[in-house]
Amino acid sequence: PRIFGLNWGETEYRLSLVPLGGFVRLLGENPAEAMAPRDRHRALVAKPLWQRYTIVIAGPAFNLILPLLIYFIHYAGHRTLLPPTLGTVLPNYPAASAGLLPGDRVQAIDGKRIRYWEELEDAIAAEPGRTRRFEIRRGTDVEERDVVPVRIERRGALGIAESVGWIGVSPRFHLPEIGVIDPKSPATEAGLKTFDFITAVNGNPVATWSEFQRAIERSGASPLRVTYLRGGYSAIPFAHVEIQQPGTAVVIPSPMFDTAGRRRYDTGILSAELFVFSVEPGSPADLIGVRRGDQIVELDGQALGSWDLLRQRLAASPERTFQIAWLSPGAGRREASFRQEIRSEMDAYRQEEQRLVFGALNRLAWRTDAPVPIQNRFGYAVGHSFDRTGQIMAAMVQGFAQILRGRVPLTTLGGPIMIGYVAGVAAEQGVDQYLWLMALLSINLAILNFLPVPILDGGLLVFFTIELFKRDPPSVRAREIASYIGLVIVAVLMLFALRNDVVRYLLPR
C-alpha cells in the first residue's frame, strides 16, 4: 500500500509500506489494463517487439553501469603489473619438459604478444591439452618452445570445480632458504639446519634458490664456504621477536652416482619449500604425526614439486581420503592416510563459510621480477572492468543454479537486514570495500531481474519470446496465472531471506 508519493510530469513516484525493492510499473505493461484511447499508442503493449525488448532490458542493464564505473576507477589506479618472467619451473611438468628455465621471459604465445603475468596465466588456463608455441627471451637470445598445458581442477567462485590448463610455473623466485633431512649428510656435518637462509657461497652473494643451485653445481667436488642467517627468538618479556644470527659453514660434497650412472656430488642441502614450518595442534596433520622440520614428499603416490601443488591437490578433492608420505629427520620415511577437516566459520559479514584444514604449513620467502608499467592504462581499465563484471555475473548465475539444484543451501540467501549490516561492515573497512560491495549488489540486482520469473523483467522477456515464436501474445488469463506463480516464488524467497536475516543478525548467538 502507498504511504506517500508525488507526480512529476506524467510519472508518479511513491513510497509504499514494504520497501523491499524498486518497482517500475509501465503504461500498458498489462494488456488488460484500462487506459484512455489517446494513450494507447504510447503503451508498452502497442510497441513493436524489438522496442519492448529494449525497454525491458534497459532496466537491469542500467544496474551494470555502476559496477562498470567502479571497476574502471579501480583498474585505472593500477600503474604496474608483474612481467611474464618465470620465477619457478617445477620439474616433471610441461614447462620443464619443454626446456623452460627460471628467468625466461615469455614474449608471445601462438604469435599473440604477452606483456604481463596475468595475460600468461589466462592464455595457459584457456586451452588445456593443446600444443602452444611459446616465444621466450633468455638473456639476449629469443627461442621458441612447444608446451602442452595439462588439465587440472581448481576451485573457482562459490567453490565450484573448474578445469583449466597449467604448465607448472610461478612468477615467484624462491629465496635460498634450506632444508636438511639426512642426519649423516655433508650439510648436517657442517652444522647447517633446516630454515637456515643462505646469503653467499664462497664469498659470492646469492639472491635466489636458482642462483644457489648454480653455485653448488659450479663448485663440483670443491668444499663450499656457505654464509647463512639462522633465526632465533629473543627472551624479551611480552614480545616474540625473531633475530637472524649470521654464521658460516664449510660443506664438503660427497660423491655419488645418479640413476643414469653419472658421477655427481651431494651436499644434502634441499629447498625448504616442502619442509613443515608449523603444525596446528589437533589438526589432521598433527594427528597423523607430521612435525616441524619434516619434509612432505608424496601425495597419493605422486611426488610433489612444490607446496602450492600440495595445496592445489587438497583443494580439488575436499572430502576424499588422501595417502601422504613424508620424511622425518633421523626417523626416515613415514606414511599415513588422512581426510581434511572441514570447518564452518563466520566471516566478518556473519556469513557462514567452510574452510579446509590440513594443519601443516610451510614457510618460504620469495620475490618476483620488478613490475612493469601498464601500456594503455585506459584500455586496460576498460577491458578489465568488463571482464570483472562478466566474471561476477557468471559466478552469480552459477550460484542461482546451485541453489536450484540443492547444492547451495537456502541459508545463504539474505534480505534487507543483511544488506544493511554488510554495508556497515564494508564502510568500516574503507571506501574501497564499500564501493566493491555496491558493485556486487548492483550486479546481483541485474541478475535477479533477468530471472525468468513472472513479475520480474525476465518474466516479461519470456512473454515477449513466446509472442515472437507464436506470432501471438499469451492470453491475459495465462499471464495472470503466471504472475501469481511468480509472486508466490518471489514471496517465498523473500520469506527465506528475512528468516535468514533474523536468525543471522537479530537472534542471540
Protein backbone atom coordinates (compact mmCIF):
# COMPACT_ATOMS: atom_id res chain seq x y z
CA PRO A 1 0.00 0.00 0.00
CA ARG A 2 1.09 3.56 -0.76
CA ILE A 3 2.39 5.74 2.10
CA PHE A 4 3.04 8.91 0.12
CA GLY A 5 4.12 9.98 -3.34
CA LEU A 6 4.29 12.82 -5.84
CA ASN A 7 3.64 13.39 -9.51
CA TRP A 8 6.35 14.85 -11.72
CA GLY A 9 5.32 15.29 -15.31
CA GLU A 10 3.46 12.15 -16.34
CA THR A 11 5.26 9.94 -13.82
CA GLU A 12 4.13 9.08 -10.29
CA TYR A 13 6.82 8.45 -7.66
CA ARG A 14 5.70 6.72 -4.48
CA LEU A 15 6.97 5.10 -1.31
CA SER A 16 4.98 2.03 -0.32
CA LEU A 17 4.54 0.27 3.00
CA VAL A 18 7.05 -2.55 2.41
CA PRO A 19 10.10 -1.03 0.64
CA LEU A 20 11.87 -4.29 -0.21
CA GLY A 21 12.99 -3.13 -3.65
CA GLY A 22 12.42 -0.79 -6.52
CA PHE A 23 9.49 -1.37 -8.86
CA VAL A 24 8.58 0.40 -12.09
CA ARG A 25 5.08 -0.02 -13.50
CA LEU A 26 4.92 0.85 -17.19
CA LEU A 27 1.84 2.08 -19.02
CA GLY A 28 0.35 -0.87 -20.88
CA GLU A 29 2.56 -3.48 -19.26
CA ASN A 30 -0.60 -5.49 -18.61
CA PRO A 31 -2.55 -5.96 -21.87
CA ALA A 32 -5.84 -5.95 -19.90
CA GLU A 33 -5.08 -2.59 -18.30
CA ALA A 34 -7.70 0.10 -18.89
CA MET A 35 -6.37 3.32 -20.43
CA ALA A 36 -7.58 6.33 -22.35
CA PRO A 37 -7.74 5.81 -26.14
CA ARG A 38 -5.35 8.73 -26.63
CA ASP A 39 -2.70 6.90 -24.56
CA ARG A 40 -2.95 3.50 -26.23
CA HIS A 41 -0.36 4.27 -28.92
CA ARG A 42 2.15 5.10 -26.15
CA ALA A 43 1.51 1.92 -24.16
CA LEU A 44 4.12 -0.81 -23.92
CA VAL A 45 1.73 -3.36 -25.39
CA ALA A 46 1.39 -1.24 -28.55
CA LYS A 47 5.12 -1.08 -29.25
CA PRO A 48 6.94 -3.41 -31.67
CA LEU A 49 8.60 -6.41 -30.08
CA TRP A 50 12.13 -5.07 -30.56
CA GLN A 51 11.20 -1.88 -28.71
CA ARG A 52 9.60 -3.84 -25.88
CA TYR A 53 12.73 -6.00 -25.58
CA THR A 54 14.89 -2.85 -25.46
CA ILE A 55 12.71 -1.11 -22.86
CA VAL A 56 12.61 -4.10 -20.50
CA ILE A 57 16.30 -4.98 -20.89
CA ALA A 58 17.27 -1.35 -20.22
CA GLY A 59 16.30 -1.60 -16.53
CA PRO A 60 18.62 -4.47 -15.50
CA ALA A 61 21.26 -3.26 -17.95
CA PHE A 62 21.45 0.10 -16.19
CA ASN A 63 22.21 -1.77 -12.95
CA LEU A 64 25.50 -2.74 -14.60
CA ILE A 65 26.64 0.84 -15.20
CA LEU A 66 27.61 1.41 -11.55
CA PRO A 67 29.83 -1.70 -11.25
CA LEU A 68 31.45 -0.95 -14.60
CA LEU A 69 32.27 2.55 -13.38
CA ILE A 70 33.58 1.31 -10.01
CA TYR A 71 35.76 -1.35 -11.61
CA PHE A 72 37.02 1.13 -14.20
CA ILE A 73 38.14 3.53 -11.46
CA HIS A 74 39.75 0.64 -9.56
CA TYR A 75 41.73 -0.68 -12.51
CA ALA A 76 42.60 2.81 -13.76
CA GLY A 77 44.51 3.21 -10.50
CA HIS A 78 46.84 0.34 -11.43
CA ARG A 79 50.16 1.60 -12.76
CA THR A 80 52.27 -1.55 -12.90
CA LEU A 81 51.83 -5.32 -13.27
CA LEU A 82 54.07 -8.35 -12.89
CA PRO A 83 56.02 -9.17 -16.06
CA PRO A 84 55.72 -12.66 -17.65
CA THR A 85 59.06 -13.78 -16.19
CA LEU A 86 59.27 -17.37 -14.95
CA GLY A 87 60.43 -17.49 -11.34
CA THR A 88 59.82 -21.15 -10.51
CA VAL A 89 59.66 -24.02 -13.02
CA LEU A 90 58.53 -27.27 -11.42
CA PRO A 91 60.32 -30.44 -12.56
CA ASN A 92 58.31 -33.09 -14.43
CA TYR A 93 55.68 -30.58 -15.61
CA PRO A 94 55.06 -29.25 -19.13
CA ALA A 95 57.21 -26.12 -18.81
CA ALA A 96 60.24 -28.03 -17.53
CA SER A 97 59.71 -30.81 -20.08
CA ALA A 98 59.74 -28.19 -22.85
CA GLY A 99 63.05 -26.78 -21.60
CA LEU A 100 61.79 -23.57 -19.98
CA LEU A 101 64.01 -22.24 -17.19
CA PRO A 102 63.69 -19.80 -14.28
CA GLY A 103 64.41 -16.30 -15.58
CA ASP A 104 62.92 -16.95 -19.03
CA ARG A 105 60.58 -14.19 -20.15
CA VAL A 106 57.57 -15.18 -22.26
CA GLN A 107 57.13 -12.73 -25.13
CA ALA A 108 54.33 -14.40 -27.09
CA ILE A 109 52.09 -17.49 -27.19
CA ASP A 110 50.93 -18.68 -30.62
CA GLY A 111 52.04 -15.35 -32.03
CA LYS A 112 49.96 -13.29 -29.59
CA ARG A 113 52.01 -10.82 -27.58
CA ILE A 114 52.25 -11.44 -23.82
CA ARG A 115 53.03 -8.32 -21.77
CA TYR A 116 52.05 -9.25 -18.20
CA TRP A 117 51.93 -12.32 -15.98
CA GLU A 118 48.12 -12.25 -15.81
CA GLU A 119 47.97 -12.50 -19.63
CA LEU A 120 50.29 -15.51 -19.46
CA GLU A 121 48.11 -17.22 -16.85
CA ASP A 122 44.91 -16.57 -18.82
CA ALA A 123 46.40 -17.90 -22.06
CA ILE A 124 47.63 -21.10 -20.39
CA ALA A 125 44.38 -21.70 -18.48
CA ALA A 126 42.16 -21.22 -21.54
CA GLU A 127 43.20 -24.27 -23.58
CA PRO A 128 44.41 -27.32 -21.63
CA GLY A 129 45.69 -30.19 -23.73
CA ARG A 130 46.51 -28.13 -26.84
CA THR A 131 50.07 -27.55 -28.00
CA ARG A 132 51.05 -23.90 -27.57
CA ARG A 133 54.04 -22.23 -29.20
CA PHE A 134 55.93 -20.13 -26.63
CA GLU A 135 58.32 -17.42 -27.71
CA ILE A 136 60.74 -16.72 -24.86
CA ARG A 137 63.66 -14.40 -24.24
CA ARG A 138 66.60 -15.97 -22.42
CA GLY A 139 69.26 -13.36 -21.81
CA THR A 140 69.86 -11.83 -25.23
CA ASP A 141 68.55 -14.86 -27.16
CA VAL A 142 65.00 -15.40 -28.40
CA GLU A 143 63.86 -19.03 -28.60
CA GLU A 144 60.64 -20.95 -29.28
CA ARG A 145 59.29 -23.92 -27.34
CA ASP A 146 56.18 -26.08 -27.74
CA VAL A 147 54.33 -26.54 -24.45
CA VAL A 148 51.20 -28.62 -23.82
CA PRO A 149 49.31 -27.43 -20.68
CA VAL A 150 47.97 -30.26 -18.53
CA ARG A 151 44.39 -30.17 -17.34
CA ILE A 152 43.92 -29.58 -13.62
CA GLU A 153 40.87 -28.95 -11.47
CA ARG A 154 40.70 -25.94 -9.21
CA ARG A 155 38.02 -24.40 -7.06
CA GLY A 156 36.59 -21.28 -8.64
CA ALA A 157 33.87 -18.94 -7.41
CA LEU A 158 31.47 -20.45 -4.84
CA GLY A 159 33.79 -23.46 -4.52
CA ILE A 160 32.67 -24.85 -7.89
CA ALA A 161 35.28 -27.05 -9.60
CA GLU A 162 36.59 -25.89 -12.97
CA SER A 163 39.11 -27.39 -15.40
CA VAL A 164 41.98 -25.18 -16.54
CA GLY A 165 45.37 -25.53 -18.19
CA TRP A 166 48.58 -25.47 -16.16
CA ILE A 167 52.27 -25.85 -17.06
CA GLY A 168 53.91 -25.79 -13.62
CA VAL A 169 55.31 -22.27 -13.42
CA SER A 170 55.13 -19.37 -10.99
CA PRO A 171 56.33 -15.75 -11.07
CA ARG A 172 57.97 -16.24 -7.67
CA PHE A 173 61.72 -16.65 -7.35
CA HIS A 174 62.22 -18.70 -4.20
CA LEU A 175 64.87 -17.31 -1.90
CA PRO A 176 67.66 -19.65 -0.73
CA GLU A 177 66.06 -20.99 2.45
CA ILE A 178 67.21 -24.57 3.00
CA GLY A 179 66.02 -27.86 4.45
CA VAL A 180 68.21 -30.68 5.79
CA ILE A 181 66.68 -34.12 6.30
CA ASP A 182 69.60 -36.61 6.33
CA PRO A 183 71.42 -36.57 9.70
CA LYS A 184 74.55 -38.01 8.03
CA SER A 185 74.67 -35.61 5.08
CA PRO A 186 77.54 -33.15 4.46
CA ALA A 187 75.15 -30.30 5.30
CA THR A 188 74.36 -31.74 8.74
CA GLU A 189 78.02 -32.46 9.45
CA ALA A 190 78.83 -28.84 8.54
CA GLY A 191 76.28 -27.62 11.08
CA LEU A 192 73.58 -26.37 8.69
CA LYS A 193 69.96 -26.66 9.82
CA THR A 194 66.53 -26.56 8.26
CA PHE A 195 65.27 -22.99 7.66
CA ASP A 196 68.78 -21.51 7.52
CA PHE A 197 68.83 -18.69 4.97
CA ILE A 198 71.84 -18.76 2.62
CA THR A 199 73.34 -15.37 1.75
CA ALA A 200 76.58 -16.30 -0.05
CA VAL A 201 78.58 -19.24 -1.43
CA ASN A 202 82.38 -18.98 -1.50
CA GLY A 203 82.05 -15.25 -0.90
CA ASN A 204 79.67 -14.69 -3.82
CA PRO A 205 76.19 -13.39 -2.85
CA VAL A 206 73.18 -15.48 -3.90
CA ALA A 207 69.71 -13.93 -4.08
CA THR A 208 67.52 -16.85 -5.23
CA TRP A 209 67.35 -20.62 -4.90
CA SER A 210 68.28 -20.99 -8.60
CA GLU A 211 71.44 -18.91 -8.10
CA PHE A 212 72.33 -21.04 -5.07
CA GLN A 213 71.86 -24.25 -7.08
CA ARG A 214 74.09 -22.95 -9.88
CA ALA A 215 76.78 -22.01 -7.35
CA ILE A 216 76.75 -25.58 -5.97
CA GLU A 217 76.94 -27.08 -9.47
CA ARG A 218 79.91 -24.88 -10.39
CA SER A 219 81.82 -25.96 -7.28
CA GLY A 220 81.65 -29.66 -8.11
CA ALA A 221 83.75 -31.61 -5.59
CA SER A 222 85.30 -28.48 -4.05
CA PRO A 223 84.38 -27.53 -0.49
CA LEU A 224 81.64 -24.90 -0.21
CA ARG A 225 82.03 -21.99 2.18
CA VAL A 226 78.40 -21.15 2.93
CA THR A 227 77.34 -17.96 4.71
CA TYR A 228 73.89 -18.08 6.27
CA LEU A 229 71.40 -16.44 8.63
CA ARG A 230 69.72 -18.54 11.32
CA GLY A 231 66.51 -17.48 13.01
CA GLY A 232 66.22 -17.38 16.78
CA TYR A 233 63.78 -15.80 19.20
CA SER A 234 64.52 -13.17 21.80
CA ALA A 235 63.87 -13.58 25.50
CA ILE A 236 62.29 -10.13 25.79
CA PRO A 237 59.20 -10.30 28.07
CA PHE A 238 55.82 -9.83 26.34
CA ALA A 239 57.43 -9.94 22.88
CA HIS A 240 58.15 -12.61 20.29
CA VAL A 241 60.92 -11.22 18.10
CA GLU A 242 62.85 -13.32 15.57
CA ILE A 243 66.55 -12.49 15.47
CA GLN A 244 68.68 -13.56 12.50
CA GLN A 245 72.10 -14.75 13.65
CA PRO A 246 74.83 -14.88 10.95
CA GLY A 247 77.02 -17.94 10.56
CA THR A 248 79.43 -19.73 8.24
CA ALA A 249 79.70 -23.42 7.39
CA VAL A 250 82.09 -25.40 5.19
CA VAL A 251 80.26 -28.15 3.31
CA ILE A 252 82.35 -30.91 1.74
CA PRO A 253 80.28 -32.57 -1.05
CA SER A 254 80.24 -36.36 -1.08
CA PRO A 255 80.50 -38.25 -4.42
CA MET A 256 77.50 -40.24 -5.63
CA PHE A 257 76.08 -41.69 -8.85
CA ASP A 258 72.67 -40.78 -10.25
CA THR A 259 70.23 -43.22 -11.90
CA ALA A 260 71.99 -42.75 -15.25
CA GLY A 261 75.33 -43.76 -13.74
CA ARG A 262 76.80 -40.26 -13.86
CA ARG A 263 79.06 -39.08 -11.07
CA ARG A 264 77.61 -36.26 -9.01
CA TYR A 265 78.32 -34.57 -5.70
CA ASP A 266 75.75 -34.41 -2.94
CA THR A 267 75.60 -31.76 -0.22
CA GLY A 268 72.35 -32.83 1.45
CA ILE A 269 71.02 -29.29 1.04
CA LEU A 270 67.39 -29.11 -0.11
CA SER A 271 64.93 -26.28 -0.72
CA ALA A 272 62.83 -25.54 2.36
CA GLU A 273 59.66 -25.33 0.28
CA LEU A 274 58.28 -28.77 1.21
CA PHE A 275 59.52 -28.64 4.81
CA VAL A 276 56.89 -28.17 7.50
CA PHE A 277 57.38 -24.95 9.45
CA SER A 278 54.42 -25.29 11.82
CA VAL A 279 51.65 -27.77 12.68
CA GLU A 280 48.30 -26.76 14.15
CA PRO A 281 47.55 -28.77 17.31
CA GLY A 282 44.68 -31.21 16.85
CA SER A 283 44.65 -30.85 13.05
CA PRO A 284 44.74 -33.85 10.66
CA ALA A 285 48.49 -33.28 10.09
CA ASP A 286 49.12 -33.30 13.85
CA LEU A 287 47.04 -36.44 14.40
CA ILE A 288 48.99 -38.47 11.82
CA GLY A 289 52.33 -37.39 13.31
CA VAL A 290 53.63 -34.67 10.98
CA ARG A 291 56.02 -32.39 12.86
CA ARG A 292 58.01 -29.20 12.30
CA GLY A 293 61.09 -29.91 10.18
CA ASP A 294 59.52 -32.89 8.35
CA GLN A 295 59.64 -32.93 4.55
CA ILE A 296 56.43 -33.76 2.64
CA VAL A 297 57.41 -35.86 -0.40
CA GLU A 298 54.33 -37.57 -1.87
CA LEU A 299 50.55 -37.31 -2.03
CA ASP A 300 48.68 -40.40 -3.25
CA GLY A 301 51.93 -41.86 -4.56
CA GLN A 302 52.75 -38.82 -6.69
CA ALA A 303 55.88 -36.79 -5.99
CA LEU A 304 55.33 -33.18 -5.01
CA GLY A 305 57.38 -30.43 -6.61
CA SER A 306 56.00 -27.55 -4.58
CA TRP A 307 53.82 -26.69 -1.62
CA ASP A 308 51.40 -24.93 -3.98
CA LEU A 309 50.90 -28.25 -5.77
CA LEU A 310 50.08 -29.93 -2.45
CA ARG A 311 47.56 -27.20 -1.62
CA GLN A 312 46.10 -27.40 -5.13
CA ARG A 313 45.51 -31.16 -4.95
CA LEU A 314 43.99 -30.96 -1.48
CA ALA A 315 41.59 -28.19 -2.52
CA ALA A 316 40.44 -30.11 -5.62
CA SER A 317 39.06 -33.03 -3.52
CA PRO A 318 37.88 -31.67 -0.17
CA GLU A 319 36.08 -34.80 1.05
CA ARG A 320 38.46 -37.52 -0.16
CA THR A 321 40.86 -39.65 1.88
CA PHE A 322 44.49 -38.97 0.95
CA GLN A 323 47.64 -41.04 1.36
CA ILE A 324 50.60 -38.87 2.28
CA ALA A 325 54.30 -39.68 2.68
CA TRP A 326 56.91 -37.60 4.47
CA LEU A 327 60.47 -37.81 5.77
CA SER A 328 61.38 -37.09 9.39
CA PRO A 329 64.94 -36.20 10.44
CA GLY A 330 66.51 -39.35 11.83
CA ALA A 331 63.26 -41.37 11.51
CA GLY A 332 63.15 -41.98 7.77
CA ARG A 333 60.07 -42.28 5.58
CA ARG A 334 56.60 -42.35 7.10
CA GLU A 335 53.16 -42.75 5.52
CA ALA A 336 49.59 -42.23 6.70
CA SER A 337 46.04 -41.68 5.49
CA PHE A 338 44.04 -38.60 6.39
CA ARG A 339 40.98 -36.56 5.50
CA GLN A 340 40.91 -32.81 5.64
CA GLU A 341 38.86 -31.19 8.35
CA ILE A 342 36.02 -29.02 7.05
CA ARG A 343 35.43 -26.13 9.44
CA SER A 344 32.40 -23.87 9.35
CA GLU A 345 33.26 -20.34 10.39
CA MET A 346 31.58 -16.95 10.38
CA ASP A 347 33.21 -14.25 8.31
CA ALA A 348 33.13 -10.53 9.07
CA TYR A 349 29.67 -10.30 7.47
CA ARG A 350 28.27 -13.16 9.62
CA GLN A 351 28.11 -15.36 6.57
CA GLU A 352 28.93 -19.00 7.19
CA GLU A 353 31.91 -20.18 5.17
CA GLN A 354 33.68 -23.50 5.03
CA ARG A 355 37.45 -23.81 5.31
CA LEU A 356 39.56 -26.87 4.55
CA VAL A 357 42.20 -27.67 7.16
CA PHE A 358 45.21 -29.97 6.72
CA GLY A 359 47.10 -28.26 9.51
CA ALA A 360 50.70 -28.27 8.25
CA LEU A 361 52.19 -25.03 6.93
CA ASN A 362 55.45 -24.23 5.22
CA ARG A 363 57.44 -21.01 5.25
CA LEU A 364 59.23 -19.97 2.11
CA ALA A 365 60.38 -16.48 1.27
CA TRP A 366 60.18 -15.34 -2.33
CA ARG A 367 60.37 -12.34 -4.61
CA THR A 368 59.19 -11.52 -8.11
CA ASP A 369 60.73 -9.69 -11.02
CA ALA A 370 60.32 -5.90 -10.94
CA PRO A 371 56.81 -4.78 -12.04
CA VAL A 372 56.49 -3.16 -15.46
CA PRO A 373 54.38 -0.11 -16.40
CA ILE A 374 50.95 -0.83 -17.88
CA GLN A 375 50.72 0.15 -21.52
CA ASN A 376 47.48 1.95 -22.45
CA ARG A 377 46.06 2.20 -18.93
CA PHE A 378 42.70 3.44 -20.25
CA GLY A 379 42.24 0.37 -22.46
CA TYR A 380 43.44 -1.86 -19.62
CA ALA A 381 40.88 -0.35 -17.22
CA VAL A 382 38.00 -0.59 -19.72
CA GLY A 383 38.79 -4.20 -20.64
CA HIS A 384 39.22 -5.34 -17.06
CA SER A 385 36.06 -3.57 -15.86
CA PHE A 386 34.01 -5.53 -18.42
CA ASP A 387 35.91 -8.75 -17.68
CA ARG A 388 35.39 -8.40 -13.93
CA THR A 389 31.69 -7.62 -14.32
CA GLY A 390 31.27 -10.63 -16.61
CA GLN A 391 33.10 -12.94 -14.20
CA ILE A 392 30.91 -11.90 -11.27
CA MET A 393 27.74 -12.25 -13.36
CA ALA A 394 28.79 -15.77 -14.37
CA ALA A 395 29.55 -16.66 -10.74
CA MET A 396 26.15 -15.37 -9.59
CA VAL A 397 24.31 -17.28 -12.31
CA GLN A 398 26.18 -20.40 -11.17
CA GLY A 399 25.15 -19.59 -7.61
CA PHE A 400 21.46 -19.39 -8.50
CA ALA A 401 21.78 -22.66 -10.43
CA GLN A 402 23.44 -24.34 -7.44
CA ILE A 403 20.60 -23.17 -5.17
CA LEU A 404 18.00 -24.62 -7.56
CA ARG A 405 19.90 -27.93 -7.64
CA GLY A 406 20.12 -28.02 -3.85
CA ARG A 407 23.94 -27.87 -3.81
CA VAL A 408 23.96 -24.48 -2.08
CA PRO A 409 21.64 -24.18 0.95
CA LEU A 410 18.90 -21.55 1.11
CA THR A 411 20.53 -20.27 4.29
CA THR A 412 22.95 -18.36 2.05
CA LEU A 413 20.13 -16.03 0.98
CA GLY A 414 19.92 -12.62 2.61
CA GLY A 415 17.49 -9.71 2.66
CA PRO A 416 17.43 -6.03 3.59
CA ILE A 417 18.84 -6.58 7.09
CA MET A 418 21.82 -8.42 5.66
CA ILE A 419 22.37 -5.70 3.05
CA GLY A 420 22.37 -3.02 5.75
CA TYR A 421 24.72 -4.97 8.02
CA VAL A 422 27.15 -5.87 5.25
CA ALA A 423 27.15 -2.27 4.00
CA GLY A 424 28.02 -1.06 7.51
CA VAL A 425 30.91 -3.52 7.87
CA ALA A 426 32.21 -2.65 4.40
CA ALA A 427 32.06 1.07 5.19
CA GLU A 428 34.14 0.48 8.35
CA GLN A 429 36.75 -1.34 6.25
CA GLY A 430 37.18 1.64 3.94
CA VAL A 431 35.84 3.32 0.83
CA ASP A 432 37.28 0.65 -1.49
CA GLN A 433 35.44 -2.19 0.26
CA TYR A 434 32.21 -0.21 0.32
CA LEU A 435 32.37 0.55 -3.41
CA TRP A 436 33.16 -3.08 -4.23
CA LEU A 437 30.10 -4.13 -2.22
CA MET A 438 27.92 -1.62 -4.10
CA ALA A 439 29.19 -3.10 -7.36
CA LEU A 440 28.32 -6.64 -6.20
CA LEU A 441 24.83 -5.59 -5.10
CA SER A 442 24.17 -3.85 -8.42
CA ILE A 443 25.25 -6.91 -10.40
CA ASN A 444 23.17 -9.11 -8.11
CA LEU A 445 20.12 -6.92 -8.74
CA ALA A 446 20.66 -7.07 -12.50
CA ILE A 447 20.89 -10.88 -12.46
CA LEU A 448 17.84 -11.14 -10.18
CA ASN A 449 15.75 -9.02 -12.54
CA PHE A 450 16.80 -11.14 -15.51
CA LEU A 451 15.50 -14.34 -13.89
CA PRO A 452 12.66 -15.84 -15.98
CA VAL A 453 10.11 -15.31 -13.22
CA PRO A 454 6.81 -13.53 -13.96
CA ILE A 455 6.54 -10.08 -12.29
CA LEU A 456 10.30 -9.65 -12.88
CA ASP A 457 11.81 -8.23 -16.07
CA GLY A 458 12.96 -11.70 -17.02
CA GLY A 459 9.34 -12.88 -16.94
CA LEU A 460 8.31 -10.15 -19.40
CA LEU A 461 11.13 -11.22 -21.70
CA VAL A 462 9.76 -14.77 -21.59
CA PHE A 463 6.30 -13.49 -22.61
CA PHE A 464 7.84 -11.49 -25.46
CA THR A 465 9.77 -14.55 -26.65
CA ILE A 466 6.60 -16.66 -26.64
CA GLU A 467 4.91 -13.96 -28.70
CA LEU A 468 7.88 -13.89 -31.09
CA PHE A 469 7.57 -17.59 -31.89
CA LYS A 470 3.77 -17.98 -31.69
CA ARG A 471 3.08 -14.71 -33.51
CA ASP A 472 0.51 -14.08 -30.82
CA PRO A 473 0.89 -12.84 -27.23
CA PRO A 474 -0.04 -15.13 -24.32
CA SER A 475 -3.63 -14.77 -23.20
CA VAL A 476 -4.49 -12.42 -20.37
CA ARG A 477 -5.53 -15.40 -18.24
CA ALA A 478 -2.21 -17.18 -18.85
CA ARG A 479 -0.31 -14.03 -17.89
CA GLU A 480 -2.35 -13.64 -14.71
CA ILE A 481 -1.72 -17.25 -13.65
CA ALA A 482 1.99 -16.93 -14.41
CA SER A 483 2.14 -13.66 -12.47
CA TYR A 484 0.53 -15.26 -9.43
CA ILE A 485 3.04 -18.11 -9.62
CA GLY A 486 5.88 -15.60 -9.93
CA LEU A 487 4.55 -13.63 -6.98
CA VAL A 488 4.49 -16.79 -4.85
CA ILE A 489 8.08 -17.66 -5.88
CA VAL A 490 9.36 -14.19 -5.04
CA ALA A 491 7.39 -14.11 -1.76
CA VAL A 492 8.80 -17.49 -0.68
CA LEU A 493 12.35 -16.36 -1.49
CA MET A 494 11.81 -13.13 0.44
CA LEU A 495 10.45 -15.04 3.43
CA PHE A 496 13.52 -17.29 3.40
CA ALA A 497 15.78 -14.23 3.12
CA LEU A 498 14.03 -12.44 6.00
CA ARG A 499 14.07 -15.58 8.13
CA ASN A 500 17.83 -15.94 7.48
CA ASP A 501 18.34 -12.27 8.35
CA VAL A 502 16.54 -12.67 11.68
CA VAL A 503 18.49 -15.82 12.60
CA ARG A 504 21.80 -14.38 11.46
CA TYR A 505 21.62 -10.84 12.84
CA LEU A 506 18.80 -10.45 15.37
CA LEU A 507 18.71 -13.64 17.43
CA PRO A 508 21.37 -14.12 20.13
CA ARG A 509 24.15 -16.48 19.11
